Amino acid sequence: MRILNASGCLDALAAPEVARQLDGFVTKTVTPLPREGSAPPRIAETAHGMLNAIGLANPGRERFLADHLPRLRELGIPLWVSVGGFCAADYAETCSLLSGIEAIELNLSCPNVDEAADSAAEIVSACRRATELPLYAKLSAAHPDVAEVARAAAAAGADGLSLINTLRGTALGRQLHPVLARGSGGLSGPALKPVALHTVSVCHEATGLPIVGMGGIETGRDALEFAACGARDVALGTVLFADPGAPARVRAELPAACAEAGVATSDDARALAKSPETERKVPA
């Protein structure tokens, strides 16, 4: 089991010692043009997690390729580049310019910007034609049948899935106004974990693709539960803000978690948690 970061939850150039604990670093989402993102405030704590409305703030494709990517390569760890856009051509053009990296994560589900007009399958298909690099489709559990979206992404050429992205939520301040300037944002943290486990389970059953599971992972036991639902790898997100040593700690906790669960390794636990619901192939 590899331990990655969830896109947007770690600045590897500002905290290289944290990034080097990972088995791979996932960049912030890169869009064709620079984006300032949402107006502040754009982060709010909640009782069981965090809301963010960053809005895909990033330097844009040209500057990322010329400046950020070369500096990230100097870290000496496998790199995943998260790619975003507002139509299939946006995604595909960025993918065509990438090389020498571990994988591309297609951000198909950011809750803080308008979604691309093209479907997930159309975007994956366009990117598949543009690159031979591994493509991981990052999906949202907010879709009424995320397993069907996963099937479509697989049929279009996705090599794997990243599950799940944040879910839209709102937090109110003392005067009962939204805390975030945008009004709503993406919910991450422990509250997301049961939803993420279910989504990983049904999408694994639907596609059999390799899955990077994420959503509320804080411990080795959490990571093992994602493996039991079908994830091959995991990504840490919100926990990194409170515990920069989480990647090494979670990795160190995994053997004890496996022993307690009666399995030798996380690979031996994969898909043990298949439920009667997924066996009946009930949609997500």
C-alpha atoms as a PDB file:
ATOM      1  CA  MET A   1       0.000   0.000   0.000  1.00  0.00           C
ATOM      2  CA  ARG A   2       1.383   3.367  -1.056  1.00  0.00           C
ATOM      3  CA  ILE A   3       0.649   6.469   0.990  1.00  0.00           C
ATOM      4  CA  LEU A   4       0.088   9.641  -1.019  1.00  0.00           C
ATOM      5  CA  ASN A   5      -1.315  13.059  -0.169  1.00  0.00           C
ATOM      6  CA  ALA A   6      -4.711  14.263  -1.277  1.00  0.00           C
ATOM      7  CA  SER A   7      -4.293  16.983  -3.898  1.00  0.00           C
ATOM      8  CA  GLY A   8      -4.240  20.464  -2.395  1.00  0.00           C
ATOM      9  CA  CYS A   9      -3.480  19.358   1.161  1.00  0.00           C
ATOM     10  CA  LEU A  10       0.301  19.759   1.049  1.00  0.00           C
ATOM     11  CA  ASP A  11       2.748  22.230  -0.471  1.00  0.00           C
ATOM     12  CA  ALA A  12       5.754  20.019  -1.134  1.00  0.00           C
ATOM     13  CA  LEU A  13       8.027  22.931  -1.948  1.00  0.00           C
ATOM     14  CA  ALA A  14       7.229  24.616   1.368  1.00  0.00           C
ATOM     15  CA  ALA A  15       7.361  21.378   3.382  1.00  0.00           C
ATOM     16  CA  PRO A  16       9.736  18.992   1.568  1.00  0.00           C
ATOM     17  CA  GLU A  17      10.377  17.005   4.765  1.00  0.00           C
ATOM     18  CA  VAL A  18       6.683  16.091   4.871  1.00  0.00           C
ATOM     19  CA  ALA A  19       6.529  15.269   1.167  1.00  0.00           C
ATOM     20  CA  ARG A  20       9.493  12.913   1.443  1.00  0.00           C
ATOM     21  CA  GLN A  21       7.541  10.763   3.923  1.00  0.00           C
ATOM     22  CA  LEU A  22       5.129   9.955   1.103  1.00  0.00           C
ATOM     23  CA  ASP A  23       5.365   7.210  -1.514  1.00  0.00           C
ATOM     24  CA  GLY A  24       4.255   9.790  -4.068  1.00  0.00           C
ATOM     25  CA  PHE A  25       3.318  13.467  -4.094  1.00  0.00           C
ATOM     26  CA  VAL A  26       0.121  14.692  -5.776  1.00  0.00           C
ATOM     27  CA  THR A  27       0.226  18.316  -6.924  1.00  0.00           C
ATOM     28  CA  LYS A  28      -2.488  20.907  -6.578  1.00  0.00           C
ATOM     29  CA  THR A  29      -4.798  20.875  -9.563  1.00  0.00           C
ATOM     30  CA  VAL A  30      -3.292  22.605 -12.590  1.00  0.00           C
ATOM     31  CA  THR A  31      -5.595  24.462 -14.986  1.00  0.00           C
ATOM     32  CA  PRO A  32      -4.701  25.944 -18.388  1.00  0.00           C
ATOM     33  CA  LEU A  33      -4.767  29.540 -17.121  1.00  0.00           C
ATOM     34  CA  PRO A  34      -3.748  30.931 -13.713  1.00  0.00           C
ATOM     35  CA  ARG A  35      -6.525  31.105 -11.123  1.00  0.00           C
ATOM     36  CA  GLU A  36      -6.627  33.252  -8.006  1.00  0.00           C
ATOM     37  CA  GLY A  37      -9.357  31.058  -6.555  1.00  0.00           C
ATOM     38  CA  SER A  38     -12.229  32.058  -4.317  1.00  0.00           C
ATOM     39  CA  ALA A  39     -12.304  35.205  -2.208  1.00  0.00           C
ATOM     40  CA  PRO A  40     -11.402  34.831   1.496  1.00  0.00           C
ATOM     41  CA  PRO A  41     -12.346  33.548   3.915  1.00  0.00           C
ATOM     42  CA  ARG A  42     -12.110  30.209   2.179  1.00  0.00           C
ATOM     43  CA  ILE A  43     -11.304  27.751   4.982  1.00  0.00           C
ATOM     44  CA  ALA A  44     -13.510  26.943   7.981  1.00  0.00           C
ATOM     45  CA  GLU A  45     -13.243  24.313  10.693  1.00  0.00           C
ATOM     46  CA  THR A  46     -16.266  22.166  11.507  1.00  0.00           C
ATOM     47  CA  ALA A  47     -17.000  19.782  14.361  1.00  0.00           C
ATOM     48  CA  HIS A  48     -15.750  16.749  12.428  1.00  0.00           C
ATOM     49  CA  GLY A  49     -13.626  18.123   9.633  1.00  0.00           C
ATOM     50  CA  MET A  50     -12.877  21.151   7.522  1.00  0.00           C
ATOM     51  CA  LEU A  51     -14.556  23.133   4.763  1.00  0.00           C
ATOM     52  CA  ASN A  52     -12.476  24.685   2.020  1.00  0.00           C
ATOM     53  CA  ALA A  53     -13.423  26.844  -0.929  1.00  0.00           C
ATOM     54  CA  ILE A  54      -9.980  27.407  -2.411  1.00  0.00           C
ATOM     55  CA  GLY A  55     -11.401  27.372  -5.924  1.00  0.00           C
ATOM     56  CA  LEU A  56      -8.486  25.673  -7.703  1.00  0.00           C
ATOM     57  CA  ALA A  57      -6.044  28.525  -7.087  1.00  0.00           C
ATOM     58  CA  ASN A  58      -2.919  27.690  -9.095  1.00  0.00           C
ATOM     59  CA  PRO A  59      -0.241  29.378 -11.245  1.00  0.00           C
ATOM     60  CA  GLY A  60      -1.562  27.970 -14.511  1.00  0.00           C
ATOM     61  CA  ARG A  61      -0.163  25.364 -16.859  1.00  0.00           C
ATOM     62  CA  GLU A  62       2.654  27.386 -18.415  1.00  0.00           C
ATOM     63  CA  ARG A  63       4.210  28.483 -15.142  1.00  0.00           C
ATOM     64  CA  PHE A  64       3.672  25.079 -13.542  1.00  0.00           C
ATOM     65  CA  LEU A  65       5.559  23.307 -16.325  1.00  0.00           C
ATOM     66  CA  ALA A  66       8.360  25.877 -16.485  1.00  0.00           C
ATOM     67  CA  ASP A  67       8.889  26.527 -12.782  1.00  0.00           C
ATOM     68  CA  HIS A  68       7.006  24.328 -10.327  1.00  0.00           C
ATOM     69  CA  LEU A  69       7.425  20.912 -11.930  1.00  0.00           C
ATOM     70  CA  PRO A  70      11.243  21.132 -12.291  1.00  0.00           C
ATOM     71  CA  ARG A  71      11.541  22.088  -8.613  1.00  0.00           C
ATOM     72  CA  LEU A  72       9.227  19.260  -7.573  1.00  0.00           C
ATOM     73  CA  ARG A  73      11.390  16.789  -9.479  1.00  0.00           C
ATOM     74  CA  GLU A  74      14.307  17.796  -7.249  1.00  0.00           C
ATOM     75  CA  LEU A  75      12.484  16.247  -4.248  1.00  0.00           C
ATOM     76  CA  GLY A  76      13.326  12.810  -5.614  1.00  0.00           C
ATOM     77  CA  ILE A  77       9.880  11.274  -5.032  1.00  0.00           C
ATOM     78  CA  PRO A  78       7.338   9.956  -7.546  1.00  0.00           C
ATOM     79  CA  LEU A  79       5.074  12.746  -8.804  1.00  0.00           C
ATOM     80  CA  TRP A  80       1.388  12.707  -9.668  1.00  0.00           C
ATOM     81  CA  VAL A  81       0.030  15.796 -11.399  1.00  0.00           C
ATOM     82  CA  SER A  82      -3.585  16.748 -10.770  1.00  0.00           C
ATOM     83  CA  VAL A  83      -5.134  18.170 -13.931  1.00  0.00           C
ATOM     84  CA  GLY A  84      -8.271  20.305 -14.169  1.00  0.00           C
ATOM     85  CA  GLY A  85     -10.153  22.297 -16.758  1.00  0.00           C
ATOM     86  CA  PHE A  86     -13.528  23.378 -18.031  1.00  0.00           C
ATOM     87  CA  CYS A  87     -13.834  21.178 -21.106  1.00  0.00           C
ATOM     88  CA  ALA A  88     -12.272  17.958 -22.352  1.00  0.00           C
ATOM     89  CA  ALA A  89      -9.783  19.839 -24.529  1.00  0.00           C
ATOM     90  CA  ASP A  90      -8.425  21.713 -21.487  1.00  0.00           C
ATOM     91  CA  TYR A  91      -7.611  18.459 -19.736  1.00  0.00           C
ATOM     92  CA  ALA A  92      -6.239  16.734 -22.818  1.00  0.00           C
ATOM     93  CA  GLU A  93      -3.871  19.562 -23.787  1.00  0.00           C
ATOM     94  CA  THR A  94      -2.319  19.620 -20.303  1.00  0.00           C
ATOM     95  CA  CYS A  95      -1.961  15.835 -20.314  1.00  0.00           C
ATOM     96  CA  SER A  96      -0.203  15.964 -23.684  1.00  0.00           C
ATOM     97  CA  LEU A  97       2.475  18.247 -22.199  1.00  0.00           C
ATOM     98  CA  LEU A  98       3.313  16.037 -19.223  1.00  0.00           C
ATOM     99  CA  SER A  99       6.081  13.437 -19.175  1.00  0.00           C
ATOM    100  CA  GLY A 100       8.407  11.734 -16.731  1.00  0.00           C
ATOM    101  CA  ILE A 101       5.871  11.560 -13.922  1.00  0.00           C
ATOM    102  CA  GLU A 102       4.232   8.633 -12.116  1.00  0.00           C
ATOM    103  CA  ALA A 103       0.613   9.348 -13.027  1.00  0.00           C
ATOM    104  CA  ILE A 104      -1.996  11.963 -13.875  1.00  0.00           C
ATOM    105  CA  GLU A 105      -5.002  12.506 -11.625  1.00  0.00           C
ATOM    106  CA  LEU A 106      -7.956  13.976 -13.509  1.00  0.00           C
ATOM    107  CA  ASN A 107      -9.892  16.239 -11.133  1.00  0.00           C
ATOM    108  CA  LEU A 108     -13.412  15.628 -12.403  1.00  0.00           C
ATOM    109  CA  SER A 109     -15.240  16.639  -9.248  1.00  0.00           C
ATOM    110  CA  CYS A 110     -14.096  19.867  -7.563  1.00  0.00           C
ATOM    111  CA  PRO A 111     -17.059  21.223  -5.544  1.00  0.00           C
ATOM    112  CA  ASN A 112     -15.781  24.816  -5.580  1.00  0.00           C
ATOM    113  CA  VAL A 113     -15.842  25.603  -9.294  1.00  0.00           C
ATOM    114  CA  ASP A 114     -18.328  25.050 -12.086  1.00  0.00           C
ATOM    115  CA  GLU A 115     -17.994  21.571 -13.513  1.00  0.00           C
ATOM    116  CA  ALA A 116     -16.816  20.946 -17.046  1.00  0.00           C
ATOM    117  CA  ALA A 117     -19.636  20.698 -19.537  1.00  0.00           C
ATOM    118  CA  ASP A 118     -18.220  17.452 -20.921  1.00  0.00           C
ATOM    119  CA  SER A 119     -18.911  14.204 -19.092  1.00  0.00           C
ATOM    120  CA  ALA A 120     -16.293  12.369 -17.078  1.00  0.00           C
ATOM    121  CA  ALA A 121     -16.103   9.710 -19.775  1.00  0.00           C
ATOM    122  CA  GLU A 122     -15.572  12.293 -22.518  1.00  0.00           C
ATOM    123  CA  ILE A 123     -12.768  13.920 -20.549  1.00  0.00           C
ATOM    124  CA  VAL A 124     -11.060  10.613 -19.791  1.00  0.00           C
ATOM    125  CA  SER A 125     -11.359   9.546 -23.427  1.00  0.00           C
ATOM    126  CA  ALA A 126      -9.794  12.796 -24.670  1.00  0.00           C
ATOM    127  CA  CYS A 127      -6.945  12.465 -22.175  1.00  0.00           C
ATOM    128  CA  ARG A 128      -6.390   8.829 -23.083  1.00  0.00           C
ATOM    129  CA  ARG A 129      -5.798   9.876 -26.679  1.00  0.00           C
ATOM    130  CA  ALA A 130      -3.391  12.590 -25.509  1.00  0.00           C
ATOM    131  CA  THR A 131      -1.085  10.577 -23.238  1.00  0.00           C
ATOM    132  CA  GLU A 132       0.189   7.114 -22.417  1.00  0.00           C
ATOM    133  CA  LEU A 133       0.742   8.017 -18.751  1.00  0.00           C
ATOM    134  CA  PRO A 134      -1.475   6.295 -16.186  1.00  0.00           C
ATOM    135  CA  LEU A 135      -4.755   8.181 -15.719  1.00  0.00           C
ATOM    136  CA  TYR A 136      -6.624   8.193 -12.401  1.00  0.00           C
ATOM    137  CA  ALA A 137     -10.126   9.675 -12.455  1.00  0.00           C
ATOM    138  CA  LYS A 138     -10.985  11.547  -9.258  1.00  0.00           C
ATOM    139  CA  LEU A 139     -14.715  11.244  -8.639  1.00  0.00           C
ATOM    140  CA  SER A 140     -17.254  12.627  -6.210  1.00  0.00           C
ATOM    141  CA  ALA A 141     -19.611  10.553  -4.086  1.00  0.00           C
ATOM    142  CA  ALA A 142     -22.228  13.271  -4.637  1.00  0.00           C
ATOM    143  CA  HIS A 143     -23.252  11.636  -7.924  1.00  0.00           C
ATOM    144  CA  PRO A 144     -26.418   9.551  -7.456  1.00  0.00           C
ATOM    145  CA  ASP A 145     -24.705   6.556  -9.097  1.00  0.00           C
ATOM    146  CA  VAL A 146     -20.974   7.025  -8.724  1.00  0.00           C
ATOM    147  CA  ALA A 147     -20.398   3.373  -9.609  1.00  0.00           C
ATOM    148  CA  GLU A 148     -21.873   4.005 -13.050  1.00  0.00           C
ATOM    149  CA  VAL A 149     -19.608   7.037 -13.504  1.00  0.00           C
ATOM    150  CA  ALA A 150     -16.671   4.818 -12.511  1.00  0.00           C
ATOM    151  CA  ARG A 151     -17.687   2.204 -15.090  1.00  0.00           C
ATOM    152  CA  ALA A 152     -17.876   4.892 -17.778  1.00  0.00           C
ATOM    153  CA  ALA A 153     -14.456   6.254 -16.811  1.00  0.00           C
ATOM    154  CA  ALA A 154     -13.001   2.741 -16.951  1.00  0.00           C
ATOM    155  CA  ALA A 155     -14.523   2.101 -20.368  1.00  0.00           C
ATOM    156  CA  ALA A 156     -13.073   5.414 -21.590  1.00  0.00           C
ATOM    157  CA  GLY A 157      -9.549   4.357 -20.630  1.00  0.00           C
ATOM    158  CA  ALA A 158      -8.964   5.287 -16.994  1.00  0.00           C
ATOM    159  CA  ASP A 159      -6.226   3.193 -15.386  1.00  0.00           C
ATOM    160  CA  GLY A 160      -7.439   3.843 -11.841  1.00  0.00           C
ATOM    161  CA  LEU A 161      -9.742   5.858  -9.600  1.00  0.00           C
ATOM    162  CA  SER A 162      -9.149   8.396  -6.815  1.00  0.00           C
ATOM    163  CA  LEU A 163     -12.016   8.235  -4.303  1.00  0.00           C
ATOM    164  CA  ILE A 164     -13.367  10.479  -2.998  1.00  0.00           C
ATOM    165  CA  ASN A 165     -13.269  14.205  -3.507  1.00  0.00           C
ATOM    166  CA  THR A 166     -14.774  16.501  -0.894  1.00  0.00           C
ATOM    167  CA  LEU A 167     -18.543  16.909  -0.533  1.00  0.00           C
ATOM    168  CA  ARG A 168     -20.216  20.302  -0.591  1.00  0.00           C
ATOM    169  CA  GLY A 169     -21.214  21.746   2.770  1.00  0.00           C
ATOM    170  CA  THR A 170     -21.882  25.012   4.604  1.00  0.00           C
ATOM    171  CA  ALA A 171     -20.765  26.360   7.984  1.00  0.00           C
ATOM    172  CA  LEU A 172     -22.485  29.271   9.742  1.00  0.00           C
ATOM    173  CA  GLY A 173     -20.898  31.879  12.000  1.00  0.00           C
ATOM    174  CA  ARG A 174     -22.184  33.502  15.174  1.00  0.00           C
ATOM    175  CA  GLN A 175     -24.507  35.828  13.249  1.00  0.00           C
ATOM    176  CA  LEU A 176     -25.862  32.893  11.213  1.00  0.00           C
ATOM    177  CA  HIS A 177     -24.147  33.919   8.001  1.00  0.00           C
ATOM    178  CA  PRO A 178     -21.984  31.500   5.994  1.00  0.00           C
ATOM    179  CA  VAL A 179     -18.387  31.531   7.220  1.00  0.00           C
ATOM    180  CA  LEU A 180     -16.980  31.057   3.725  1.00  0.00           C
ATOM    181  CA  ALA A 181     -17.161  33.979   1.312  1.00  0.00           C
ATOM    182  CA  ARG A 182     -18.385  31.619  -1.394  1.00  0.00           C
ATOM    183  CA  GLY A 183     -21.107  30.324   0.925  1.00  0.00           C
ATOM    184  CA  SER A 184     -20.293  26.662   0.572  1.00  0.00           C
ATOM    185  CA  GLY A 185     -17.128  24.613   0.321  1.00  0.00           C
ATOM    186  CA  GLY A 186     -15.788  21.088   0.171  1.00  0.00           C
ATOM    187  CA  LEU A 187     -16.071  19.056   3.376  1.00  0.00           C
ATOM    188  CA  SER A 188     -13.087  16.889   4.268  1.00  0.00           C
ATOM    189  CA  GLY A 189     -11.894  15.058   7.364  1.00  0.00           C
ATOM    190  CA  PRO A 190     -13.298  12.275   9.587  1.00  0.00           C
ATOM    191  CA  ALA A 191     -16.945  12.979   8.701  1.00  0.00           C
ATOM    192  CA  LEU A 192     -16.192  11.882   5.143  1.00  0.00           C
ATOM    193  CA  LYS A 193     -14.839   8.431   5.965  1.00  0.00           C
ATOM    194  CA  PRO A 194     -18.049   6.303   5.956  1.00  0.00           C
ATOM    195  CA  VAL A 195     -19.097   7.830   2.624  1.00  0.00           C
ATOM    196  CA  ALA A 196     -15.631   7.246   1.194  1.00  0.00           C
ATOM    197  CA  LEU A 197     -15.530   3.612   2.326  1.00  0.00           C
ATOM    198  CA  HIS A 198     -18.876   2.911   0.692  1.00  0.00           C
ATOM    199  CA  THR A 199     -17.826   4.617  -2.539  1.00  0.00           C
ATOM    200  CA  VAL A 200     -14.552   2.706  -2.712  1.00  0.00           C
ATOM    201  CA  SER A 201     -16.441  -0.545  -2.149  1.00  0.00           C
ATOM    202  CA  VAL A 202     -19.054  -0.063  -4.883  1.00  0.00           C
ATOM    203  CA  CYS A 203     -16.552   1.322  -7.394  1.00  0.00           C
ATOM    204  CA  HIS A 204     -14.134  -1.539  -6.772  1.00  0.00           C
ATOM    205  CA  GLU A 205     -16.969  -3.987  -7.342  1.00  0.00           C
ATOM    206  CA  ALA A 206     -18.065  -2.103 -10.467  1.00  0.00           C
ATOM    207  CA  THR A 207     -14.670  -1.771 -12.160  1.00  0.00           C
ATOM    208  CA  GLY A 208     -11.875  -3.756 -10.498  1.00  0.00           C
ATOM    209  CA  LEU A 209      -9.579  -0.801 -11.199  1.00  0.00           C
ATOM    210  CA  PRO A 210      -6.789   0.191  -8.800  1.00  0.00           C
ATOM    211  CA  ILE A 211      -8.180   2.726  -6.330  1.00  0.00           C
ATOM    212  CA  VAL A 212      -6.502   5.428  -4.263  1.00  0.00           C
ATOM    213  CA  GLY A 213      -8.824   5.747  -1.272  1.00  0.00           C
ATOM    214  CA  MET A 214      -9.117   8.993   0.662  1.00  0.00           C
ATOM    215  CA  GLY A 215     -11.498  10.742   3.015  1.00  0.00           C
ATOM    216  CA  GLY A 216     -10.914  10.999   6.757  1.00  0.00           C
ATOM    217  CA  ILE A 217      -7.861   8.736   7.000  1.00  0.00           C
ATOM    218  CA  GLU A 218      -5.990   9.506  10.228  1.00  0.00           C
ATOM    219  CA  THR A 219      -4.577   6.159  11.423  1.00  0.00           C
ATOM    220  CA  GLY A 220      -3.163   2.874  10.217  1.00  0.00           C
ATOM    221  CA  ARG A 221      -6.497   1.251  11.040  1.00  0.00           C
ATOM    222  CA  ASP A 222      -8.282   3.780   8.794  1.00  0.00           C
ATOM    223  CA  ALA A 223      -5.938   2.941   5.931  1.00  0.00           C
ATOM    224  CA  LEU A 224      -6.540  -0.772   6.443  1.00  0.00           C
ATOM    225  CA  GLU A 225     -10.310  -0.264   6.314  1.00  0.00           C
ATOM    226  CA  PHE A 226      -9.924   1.405   2.918  1.00  0.00           C
ATOM    227  CA  ALA A 227      -7.937  -1.612   1.742  1.00  0.00           C
ATOM    228  CA  ALA A 228     -10.692  -3.893   3.037  1.00  0.00           C
ATOM    229  CA  CYS A 229     -13.153  -1.985   0.858  1.00  0.00           C
ATOM    230  CA  GLY A 230     -10.964  -2.391  -2.220  1.00  0.00           C
ATOM    231  CA  ALA A 231      -8.387   0.420  -2.209  1.00  0.00           C
ATOM    232  CA  ARG A 232      -4.873  -0.459  -3.333  1.00  0.00           C
ATOM    233  CA  ASP A 233      -3.368   2.806  -2.060  1.00  0.00           C
ATOM    234  CA  VAL A 234      -4.483   5.652   0.203  1.00  0.00           C
ATOM    235  CA  ALA A 235      -4.077   9.419   0.361  1.00  0.00           C
ATOM    236  CA  LEU A 236      -3.935  11.612   3.453  1.00  0.00           C
ATOM    237  CA  GLY A 237      -5.629  14.984   3.416  1.00  0.00           C
ATOM    238  CA  THR A 238      -6.941  17.047   6.310  1.00  0.00           C
ATOM    239  CA  VAL A 239      -4.836  15.160   8.867  1.00  0.00           C
ATOM    240  CA  LEU A 240      -1.689  16.700   7.342  1.00  0.00           C
ATOM    241  CA  PHE A 241      -2.677  20.150   8.593  1.00  0.00           C
ATOM    242  CA  ALA A 242      -2.674  18.964  12.223  1.00  0.00           C
ATOM    243  CA  ASP A 243      -0.032  16.247  12.019  1.00  0.00           C
ATOM    244  CA  PRO A 244       2.718  16.731   9.413  1.00  0.00           C
ATOM    245  CA  GLY A 245       4.226  13.430  10.533  1.00  0.00           C
ATOM    246  CA  ALA A 246       1.077  11.500   9.654  1.00  0.00           C
ATOM    247  CA  PRO A 247       2.462   9.653   6.598  1.00  0.00           C
ATOM    248  CA  ALA A 248       5.263   8.013   8.607  1.00  0.00           C
ATOM    249  CA  ARG A 249       2.979   7.402  11.578  1.00  0.00           C
ATOM    250  CA  VAL A 250       0.200   5.798   9.532  1.00  0.00           C
ATOM    251  CA  ARG A 251       2.743   3.586   7.770  1.00  0.00           C
ATOM    252  CA  ALA A 252       4.203   2.531  11.137  1.00  0.00           C
ATOM    253  CA  GLU A 253       0.735   1.756  12.523  1.00  0.00           C
ATOM    254  CA  LEU A 254      -0.266  -0.523   9.650  1.00  0.00           C
ATOM    255  CA  PRO A 255       1.449  -3.746  10.861  1.00  0.00           C
ATOM    256  CA  ALA A 256      -0.287  -3.586  14.247  1.00  0.00           C
ATOM    257  CA  ALA A 257      -3.602  -2.805  12.576  1.00  0.00           C
ATOM    258  CA  CYS A 258      -3.155  -5.826  10.295  1.00  0.00           C
ATOM    259  CA  ALA A 259      -2.264  -8.077  13.217  1.00  0.00           C
ATOM    260  CA  GLU A 260      -5.327  -6.945  15.162  1.00  0.00           C
ATOM    261  CA  ALA A 261      -7.533  -7.651  12.154  1.00  0.00           C
ATOM    262  CA  GLY A 262      -5.976 -11.085  11.581  1.00  0.00           C
ATOM    263  CA  VAL A 263      -4.356 -10.363   8.206  1.00  0.00           C
ATOM    264  CA  ALA A 264      -0.676 -10.405   7.310  1.00  0.00           C
ATOM    265  CA  THR A 265      -0.626  -7.272   5.137  1.00  0.00           C
ATOM    266  CA  SER A 266      -2.976  -4.650   3.775  1.00  0.00           C
ATOM    267  CA  ASP A 267      -2.945  -6.521   0.446  1.00  0.00           C
ATOM    268  CA  ASP A 268      -4.398  -9.561   2.222  1.00  0.00           C
ATOM    269  CA  ALA A 269      -7.244  -7.387   3.503  1.00  0.00           C
ATOM    270  CA  ARG A 270      -8.253  -6.067   0.089  1.00  0.00           C
ATOM    271  CA  ALA A 271     -11.981  -6.338  -0.556  1.00  0.00           C
ATOM    272  CA  LEU A 272     -12.637  -8.410   2.594  1.00  0.00           C
ATOM    273  CA  ALA A 273     -15.376  -5.939   3.474  1.00  0.00           C
ATOM    274  CA  LYS A 274     -17.511  -6.723   0.432  1.00  0.00           C
ATOM    275  CA  SER A 275     -21.076  -6.242   1.606  1.00  0.00           C
ATOM    276  CA  PRO A 276     -24.294  -7.964   0.539  1.00  0.00           C
ATOM    277  CA  GLU A 277     -25.215  -4.661  -1.124  1.00  0.00           C
ATOM    278  CA  THR A 278     -22.243  -4.725  -3.471  1.00  0.00           C
ATOM    279  CA  GLU A 279     -22.708  -8.437  -4.107  1.00  0.00           C
ATOM    280  CA  ARG A 280     -26.226  -7.613  -5.344  1.00  0.00           C
ATOM    281  CA  LYS A 281     -24.654  -4.837  -7.454  1.00  0.00           C
ATOM    282  CA  VAL A 282     -27.011  -2.234  -6.022  1.00  0.00           C
ATOM    283  CA  PRO A 283     -26.071   1.205  -7.418  1.00  0.00           C
ATOM    284  CA  ALA A 284     -24.209   3.610  -5.157  1.00  0.00           C
END
